[in-house]
Amino acid sequence: MSTTRKHTALPKAQILIEALPWLTRHNGKTVVIKFGGNAMIDEDLKAAFAQDVVFLHHAGLRPVVVHGGGPQISAALDRHGIVSEFKAGLRVTTEDAMDVVRMVLAGQVQRELVGLLNQHGPLAVGLTGEDAHTITATKHLPEIDGELVDIGRVGEITAIDTGAIEALLADGRIPVVSSIARSEDDGHVYNVNADTAAAALAAALGAETLMVLTDVEGLYEDWPHSDEVISRLTATELEKLLPELSSGMVPKMEGCLHAVRNGVTTARVIDGRVQHSILLEIFTDEGIGTMVVPDELPDQKSAKKKSAKKSGKKQGDAG
């Protein structure tokens, strides 16, 4: 090999070496990824997403993909002559609309995603929240202007059974979960917010990380006055910000908050418009997007203070 070729290959080796500590840290850990936004529509982004998920799998992680399908559902409802209506940021879902939602999520979006993943090997298996009671829900009645409002077949998650997903992961597969659920109360099928479903599954699976793909760079410091992204914040810091967030970001950030308050080590909102954003977030020192972490426990804070005091004493001795 010529000296020139050796030099051009060197940056690739450096990139791989940079990923080494992250590969070690995440090996064997479960990562729940909520697939949404532009990444679901743009063909190149869809292909890059599938490559990222397969890379995680081959790198020793256990990815689980959860998806909704807002744009595809709206387009299908239009074709069926059903008007799309939203209240409190949620799609009003009549019985007719629910039939379309179910068909689009399980029969279109999931099938396409499973197909993209399986171009790289016999890896992905699709299921919905209905399968093996993976997600159980009850009718959700949002409060609007102080009153509970019926918005049809929209569900609120009441229980998660991870058995089917755990079995697939143990078999070396990549579960792809559509965010619909069945109710034990009335036997009806409900449309469940995919951000909420991903967070609930991450918590139930004891995942290391929840990753939510969106169409913004992350959580902005002072939107719309600034486009500075908050790179890291604790659960309590996020909770204080929630009332100020735009309606589209609320379920994503509420999902992140639920995840880290229920055993998930980190929750991240990342820009799905950037190719390979998942790999950039997990395997590089810089990362992208916003990371939410649990609040520090009192003993962790005191340990940090002790460590700081010790290092200060050493510096003083050295001087």
Protein backbone atom coordinates (compact mmCIF):
# COMPACT_ATOMS: atom_id res chain seq x y z
CA MET A 1 0.00 0.00 0.00
CA SER A 2 1.36 3.47 -0.91
CA THR A 3 2.14 6.08 1.75
CA THR A 4 -0.65 8.29 0.35
CA ARG A 5 -3.28 5.55 0.70
CA LYS A 6 -2.12 4.84 4.25
CA HIS A 7 -2.62 8.49 5.15
CA THR A 8 -6.08 8.70 3.57
CA ALA A 9 -7.19 5.60 5.50
CA LEU A 10 -5.92 6.93 8.85
CA PRO A 11 -8.95 9.17 9.61
CA LYS A 12 -11.20 6.10 9.28
CA ALA A 13 -9.13 4.29 11.92
CA GLN A 14 -9.29 7.33 14.20
CA ILE A 15 -13.08 7.46 13.88
CA LEU A 16 -13.33 3.77 14.78
CA ILE A 17 -11.03 4.24 17.78
CA GLU A 18 -13.11 7.18 19.00
CA ALA A 19 -16.13 4.86 19.01
CA LEU A 20 -14.36 2.19 21.10
CA PRO A 21 -15.27 3.44 24.62
CA TRP A 22 -18.87 3.91 23.53
CA LEU A 23 -18.99 0.44 21.98
CA THR A 24 -17.69 -0.98 25.27
CA ARG A 25 -20.15 1.02 27.35
CA HIS A 26 -23.24 0.13 25.30
CA ASN A 27 -22.44 -3.52 24.53
CA GLY A 28 -25.40 -5.74 25.39
CA LYS A 29 -27.60 -2.77 26.33
CA THR A 30 -31.13 -2.20 25.03
CA VAL A 31 -31.78 0.98 23.04
CA VAL A 32 -35.35 2.04 22.21
CA ILE A 33 -35.58 4.31 19.16
CA LYS A 34 -38.69 6.27 18.25
CA PHE A 35 -38.74 6.61 14.45
CA GLY A 36 -40.59 9.69 13.19
CA GLY A 37 -40.52 13.04 11.43
CA ASN A 38 -38.74 13.59 8.12
CA ALA A 39 -36.73 10.41 8.65
CA MET A 40 -39.97 8.53 7.90
CA ILE A 41 -40.62 10.32 4.59
CA ASP A 42 -37.27 11.04 2.91
CA GLU A 43 -35.97 7.96 1.09
CA ASP A 44 -32.28 8.64 1.84
CA LEU A 45 -32.99 9.30 5.52
CA LYS A 46 -35.05 6.10 5.75
CA ALA A 47 -32.20 4.06 4.28
CA ALA A 48 -29.66 5.73 6.60
CA PHE A 49 -31.91 5.05 9.60
CA ALA A 50 -32.10 1.35 8.71
CA GLN A 51 -28.30 1.22 8.33
CA ASP A 52 -27.84 2.85 11.75
CA VAL A 53 -30.17 0.39 13.49
CA VAL A 54 -28.47 -2.61 11.85
CA PHE A 55 -25.08 -1.16 12.81
CA LEU A 56 -26.21 -0.93 16.46
CA HIS A 57 -27.32 -4.56 16.27
CA HIS A 58 -24.00 -5.77 14.86
CA ALA A 59 -22.10 -3.58 17.34
CA GLY A 60 -23.59 -5.61 20.20
CA LEU A 61 -26.51 -3.39 21.22
CA ARG A 62 -30.16 -4.51 21.33
CA PRO A 63 -32.20 -1.96 19.33
CA VAL A 64 -36.00 -1.81 19.54
CA VAL A 65 -37.79 0.47 17.05
CA VAL A 66 -41.15 2.12 17.86
CA HIS A 67 -42.97 4.11 15.19
CA GLY A 68 -46.07 6.12 14.52
CA GLY A 69 -46.98 7.45 11.10
CA GLY A 70 -48.62 10.87 11.25
CA PRO A 71 -47.96 12.01 7.65
CA GLN A 72 -48.88 8.62 6.17
CA ILE A 73 -52.08 8.46 8.28
CA SER A 74 -53.13 11.96 7.19
CA ALA A 75 -52.55 11.08 3.53
CA ALA A 76 -54.56 7.83 3.83
CA LEU A 77 -57.43 9.57 5.63
CA ASP A 78 -57.53 12.14 2.82
CA ARG A 79 -57.76 9.34 0.25
CA HIS A 80 -60.67 7.84 2.21
CA GLY A 81 -62.41 11.20 2.48
CA ILE A 82 -61.99 11.37 6.26
CA VAL A 83 -61.13 14.81 7.65
CA SER A 84 -58.08 15.00 9.94
CA GLU A 85 -58.93 16.90 13.13
CA PHE A 86 -56.71 17.58 16.13
CA LYS A 87 -57.61 18.53 19.70
CA ALA A 88 -55.07 19.12 22.49
CA GLY A 89 -52.35 18.11 20.02
CA LEU A 90 -53.93 14.66 19.48
CA ARG A 91 -55.63 13.25 16.39
CA VAL A 92 -59.37 12.84 16.81
CA THR A 93 -59.80 9.17 15.87
CA THR A 94 -63.28 7.97 14.93
CA GLU A 95 -63.99 4.26 14.38
CA ASP A 96 -63.59 4.71 10.61
CA ALA A 97 -60.38 6.64 11.14
CA MET A 98 -59.08 3.92 13.49
CA ASP A 99 -59.46 1.30 10.76
CA VAL A 100 -57.27 3.47 8.51
CA VAL A 101 -54.73 4.16 11.30
CA ARG A 102 -54.38 0.45 12.01
CA MET A 103 -54.00 -0.37 8.32
CA VAL A 104 -51.37 2.34 7.74
CA LEU A 105 -49.27 1.63 10.84
CA ALA A 106 -49.23 -2.17 10.72
CA GLY A 107 -49.71 -2.67 6.97
CA GLN A 108 -47.71 0.14 5.41
CA VAL A 109 -45.21 1.98 7.64
CA GLN A 110 -44.13 -1.09 9.61
CA ARG A 111 -43.86 -3.29 6.51
CA GLU A 112 -41.65 -0.75 4.76
CA LEU A 113 -39.38 -0.34 7.78
CA VAL A 114 -39.08 -4.10 8.33
CA GLY A 115 -38.22 -4.46 4.63
CA LEU A 116 -35.47 -1.81 4.83
CA LEU A 117 -33.92 -3.46 7.88
CA ASN A 118 -34.11 -6.92 6.36
CA GLN A 119 -32.14 -5.84 3.31
CA HIS A 120 -29.18 -6.31 5.66
CA GLY A 121 -30.13 -9.80 6.87
CA PRO A 122 -32.98 -11.76 8.51
CA LEU A 123 -33.19 -9.34 11.44
CA ALA A 124 -36.39 -7.33 11.82
CA VAL A 125 -39.75 -8.65 13.05
CA GLY A 126 -42.82 -6.42 13.09
CA LEU A 127 -45.46 -6.43 15.80
CA THR A 128 -48.06 -4.03 17.14
CA GLY A 129 -48.95 -3.16 20.69
CA GLU A 130 -51.89 -5.55 20.27
CA ASP A 131 -49.60 -8.58 19.84
CA ALA A 132 -49.08 -10.64 23.00
CA HIS A 133 -50.60 -7.74 25.02
CA THR A 134 -47.39 -5.78 24.45
CA ILE A 135 -49.23 -2.48 25.03
CA THR A 136 -52.57 -2.25 26.84
CA ALA A 137 -54.47 1.03 26.84
CA THR A 138 -57.66 2.64 28.04
CA LYS A 139 -59.66 5.43 26.43
CA HIS A 140 -57.88 8.76 26.81
CA LEU A 141 -59.98 11.82 27.63
CA PRO A 142 -57.84 14.98 27.42
CA GLU A 143 -58.80 18.02 29.45
CA ILE A 144 -59.53 21.08 27.30
CA ASP A 145 -60.59 24.34 28.99
CA GLY A 146 -61.29 22.46 32.21
CA GLU A 147 -63.50 19.79 30.60
CA LEU A 148 -62.78 16.16 29.64
CA VAL A 149 -63.23 15.77 25.87
CA ASP A 150 -63.96 12.58 23.93
CA ILE A 151 -61.57 12.37 20.95
CA GLY A 152 -62.49 8.83 19.93
CA ARG A 153 -60.10 5.88 19.71
CA VAL A 154 -57.10 7.56 21.32
CA GLY A 155 -55.54 5.46 24.04
CA GLU A 156 -53.69 6.06 27.28
CA ILE A 157 -51.22 3.29 28.17
CA THR A 158 -52.13 1.27 31.26
CA ALA A 159 -49.75 -1.70 31.01
CA ILE A 160 -46.73 -3.02 29.10
CA ASP A 161 -45.87 -6.71 28.63
CA THR A 162 -42.32 -7.03 27.30
CA GLY A 163 -42.40 -10.83 26.86
CA ALA A 164 -42.65 -10.91 23.06
CA ILE A 165 -40.01 -8.19 22.61
CA GLU A 166 -37.62 -9.86 25.06
CA ALA A 167 -38.02 -13.17 23.21
CA LEU A 168 -37.19 -11.51 19.88
CA LEU A 169 -34.16 -9.74 21.36
CA ALA A 170 -32.92 -13.01 22.88
CA ASP A 171 -33.21 -14.55 19.40
CA GLY A 172 -31.01 -11.82 17.92
CA ARG A 173 -33.86 -10.00 16.17
CA ILE A 174 -34.81 -6.31 15.89
CA PRO A 175 -38.41 -5.74 17.06
CA VAL A 176 -40.33 -3.05 15.15
CA VAL A 177 -43.40 -1.97 17.13
CA SER A 178 -46.44 -0.08 15.80
CA SER A 179 -48.03 2.25 18.37
CA ILE A 180 -51.52 0.79 18.57
CA ALA A 181 -52.94 -1.00 21.60
CA ARG A 182 -55.95 -2.97 22.76
CA SER A 183 -58.05 -2.15 25.79
CA GLU A 184 -58.98 -4.73 28.44
CA ASP A 185 -61.94 -2.53 29.42
CA ASP A 186 -63.90 -2.55 26.16
CA GLY A 187 -61.83 -4.73 23.77
CA HIS A 188 -61.40 -1.82 21.35
CA VAL A 189 -58.16 -0.99 19.56
CA TYR A 190 -56.68 2.44 20.27
CA ASN A 191 -54.24 4.79 18.58
CA VAL A 192 -51.42 5.55 21.04
CA ASN A 193 -48.94 8.41 20.78
CA ALA A 194 -45.70 6.86 19.51
CA ASP A 195 -43.46 9.06 21.70
CA THR A 196 -45.39 7.93 24.77
CA ALA A 197 -45.31 4.28 23.66
CA ALA A 198 -41.53 4.38 23.07
CA ALA A 199 -40.94 5.88 26.53
CA ALA A 200 -43.17 3.32 28.25
CA LEU A 201 -41.44 0.44 26.44
CA ALA A 202 -37.98 1.84 27.27
CA ALA A 203 -38.87 1.98 30.95
CA ALA A 204 -40.45 -1.50 30.98
CA LEU A 205 -37.45 -3.02 29.16
CA GLY A 206 -34.94 -1.35 31.50
CA ALA A 207 -33.34 0.22 28.43
CA GLU A 208 -30.01 2.02 28.61
CA THR A 209 -31.21 4.72 26.22
CA LEU A 210 -34.37 6.14 24.69
CA MET A 211 -33.76 8.01 21.43
CA VAL A 212 -36.50 10.15 19.89
CA LEU A 213 -36.01 11.30 16.29
CA THR A 214 -37.60 14.64 15.52
CA ASP A 215 -37.46 17.46 12.97
CA VAL A 216 -35.51 19.94 15.11
CA GLU A 217 -31.93 19.97 16.37
CA GLY A 218 -32.99 19.32 19.95
CA LEU A 219 -34.58 21.28 22.79
CA TYR A 220 -33.88 25.00 22.29
CA GLU A 221 -32.66 27.19 25.14
CA ASP A 222 -34.99 30.15 24.46
CA TRP A 223 -37.11 29.49 21.38
CA PRO A 224 -38.01 31.47 19.24
CA HIS A 225 -35.52 34.11 20.45
CA SER A 226 -32.53 31.75 20.21
CA ASP A 227 -31.66 28.58 18.31
CA GLU A 228 -29.13 27.51 20.93
CA VAL A 229 -29.72 23.82 21.74
CA ILE A 230 -29.60 22.56 25.33
CA SER A 231 -27.15 19.68 25.16
CA ARG A 232 -27.88 18.17 28.59
CA LEU A 233 -30.42 18.65 31.37
CA THR A 234 -31.70 16.75 34.38
CA ALA A 235 -35.24 15.44 34.90
CA THR A 236 -36.09 18.27 37.31
CA GLU A 237 -34.72 20.92 34.93
CA LEU A 238 -36.83 19.45 32.11
CA GLU A 239 -39.95 19.32 34.30
CA LYS A 240 -39.65 23.08 34.92
CA LEU A 241 -39.41 23.74 31.16
CA LEU A 242 -42.40 21.59 30.11
CA PRO A 243 -45.11 24.29 30.48
CA GLU A 244 -43.17 26.57 28.09
CA LEU A 245 -42.70 24.01 25.28
CA SER A 246 -44.52 23.94 21.95
CA SER A 247 -47.32 21.36 21.72
CA GLY A 248 -45.33 19.18 19.29
CA MET A 249 -42.40 18.85 21.68
CA VAL A 250 -44.47 18.14 24.81
CA PRO A 251 -45.14 14.39 24.25
CA LYS A 252 -41.49 13.86 23.25
CA MET A 253 -40.09 15.59 26.32
CA GLU A 254 -42.74 14.09 28.63
CA GLY A 255 -41.66 10.71 27.24
CA CYS A 256 -38.00 11.49 28.01
CA LEU A 257 -38.96 12.57 31.53
CA HIS A 258 -40.99 9.39 32.13
CA ALA A 259 -38.13 7.23 30.85
CA VAL A 260 -35.36 8.67 33.05
CA ARG A 261 -37.66 8.75 36.09
CA ASN A 262 -38.34 5.04 35.57
CA GLY A 263 -34.89 3.49 35.23
CA VAL A 264 -33.69 4.50 31.74
CA THR A 265 -30.13 5.86 31.98
CA THR A 266 -30.43 8.56 29.31
CA ALA A 267 -33.14 9.89 26.99
CA ARG A 268 -32.16 11.83 23.90
CA VAL A 269 -34.02 13.98 21.37
CA ILE A 270 -32.04 14.08 18.12
CA ASP A 271 -32.42 15.60 14.68
CA GLY A 272 -33.75 12.92 12.34
CA ARG A 273 -33.04 15.20 9.35
CA VAL A 274 -29.32 14.51 9.75
CA GLN A 275 -28.15 11.29 8.11
CA HIS A 276 -26.74 8.79 10.63
CA SER A 277 -27.74 11.02 13.56
CA ILE A 278 -28.18 7.90 15.73
CA LEU A 279 -24.55 6.86 15.26
CA LEU A 280 -23.33 10.43 15.78
CA GLU A 281 -25.21 10.59 19.08
CA ILE A 282 -24.18 7.23 20.48
CA PHE A 283 -20.64 6.73 19.17
CA THR A 284 -18.99 10.16 19.16
CA ASP A 285 -17.63 12.35 21.93
CA GLU A 286 -19.58 15.42 20.78
CA GLY A 287 -22.98 13.84 20.21
CA ILE A 288 -25.88 15.89 18.84
CA GLY A 289 -29.30 16.86 20.14
CA THR A 290 -30.50 17.09 23.75
CA MET A 291 -29.78 14.48 26.41
CA VAL A 292 -31.97 14.11 29.51
CA VAL A 293 -30.50 12.37 32.56
CA PRO A 294 -31.98 11.34 35.92
CA ASP A 295 -31.57 13.70 38.87
CA GLU A 296 -28.47 13.06 40.93
CA LEU A 297 -29.05 11.18 44.16
CA PRO A 298 -27.89 12.88 47.38
CA ASP A 299 -25.06 10.36 47.85
CA GLN A 300 -23.83 11.07 44.29
CA LYS A 301 -23.69 14.80 45.04
CA SER A 302 -21.77 14.27 48.29
CA ALA A 303 -19.36 11.89 46.52
CA LYS A 304 -18.66 14.59 43.93
CA LYS A 305 -18.05 17.18 46.67
CA LYS A 306 -15.63 14.83 48.45
CA SER A 307 -13.82 14.16 45.18
CA ALA A 308 -13.53 17.92 44.52
CA LYS A 309 -12.16 18.54 48.02
CA LYS A 310 -9.56 15.79 47.60
CA SER A 311 -8.39 17.14 44.25
CA GLY A 312 -8.23 20.67 45.74
CA LYS A 313 -6.05 19.45 48.62
CA LYS A 314 -3.64 17.75 46.22
CA GLN A 315 -3.32 20.93 44.17
CA GLY A 316 -2.61 22.91 47.32
CA ASP A 317 0.07 20.42 48.42
CA ALA A 318 1.65 20.54 45.01
CA GLY A 319 1.82 24.37 45.15
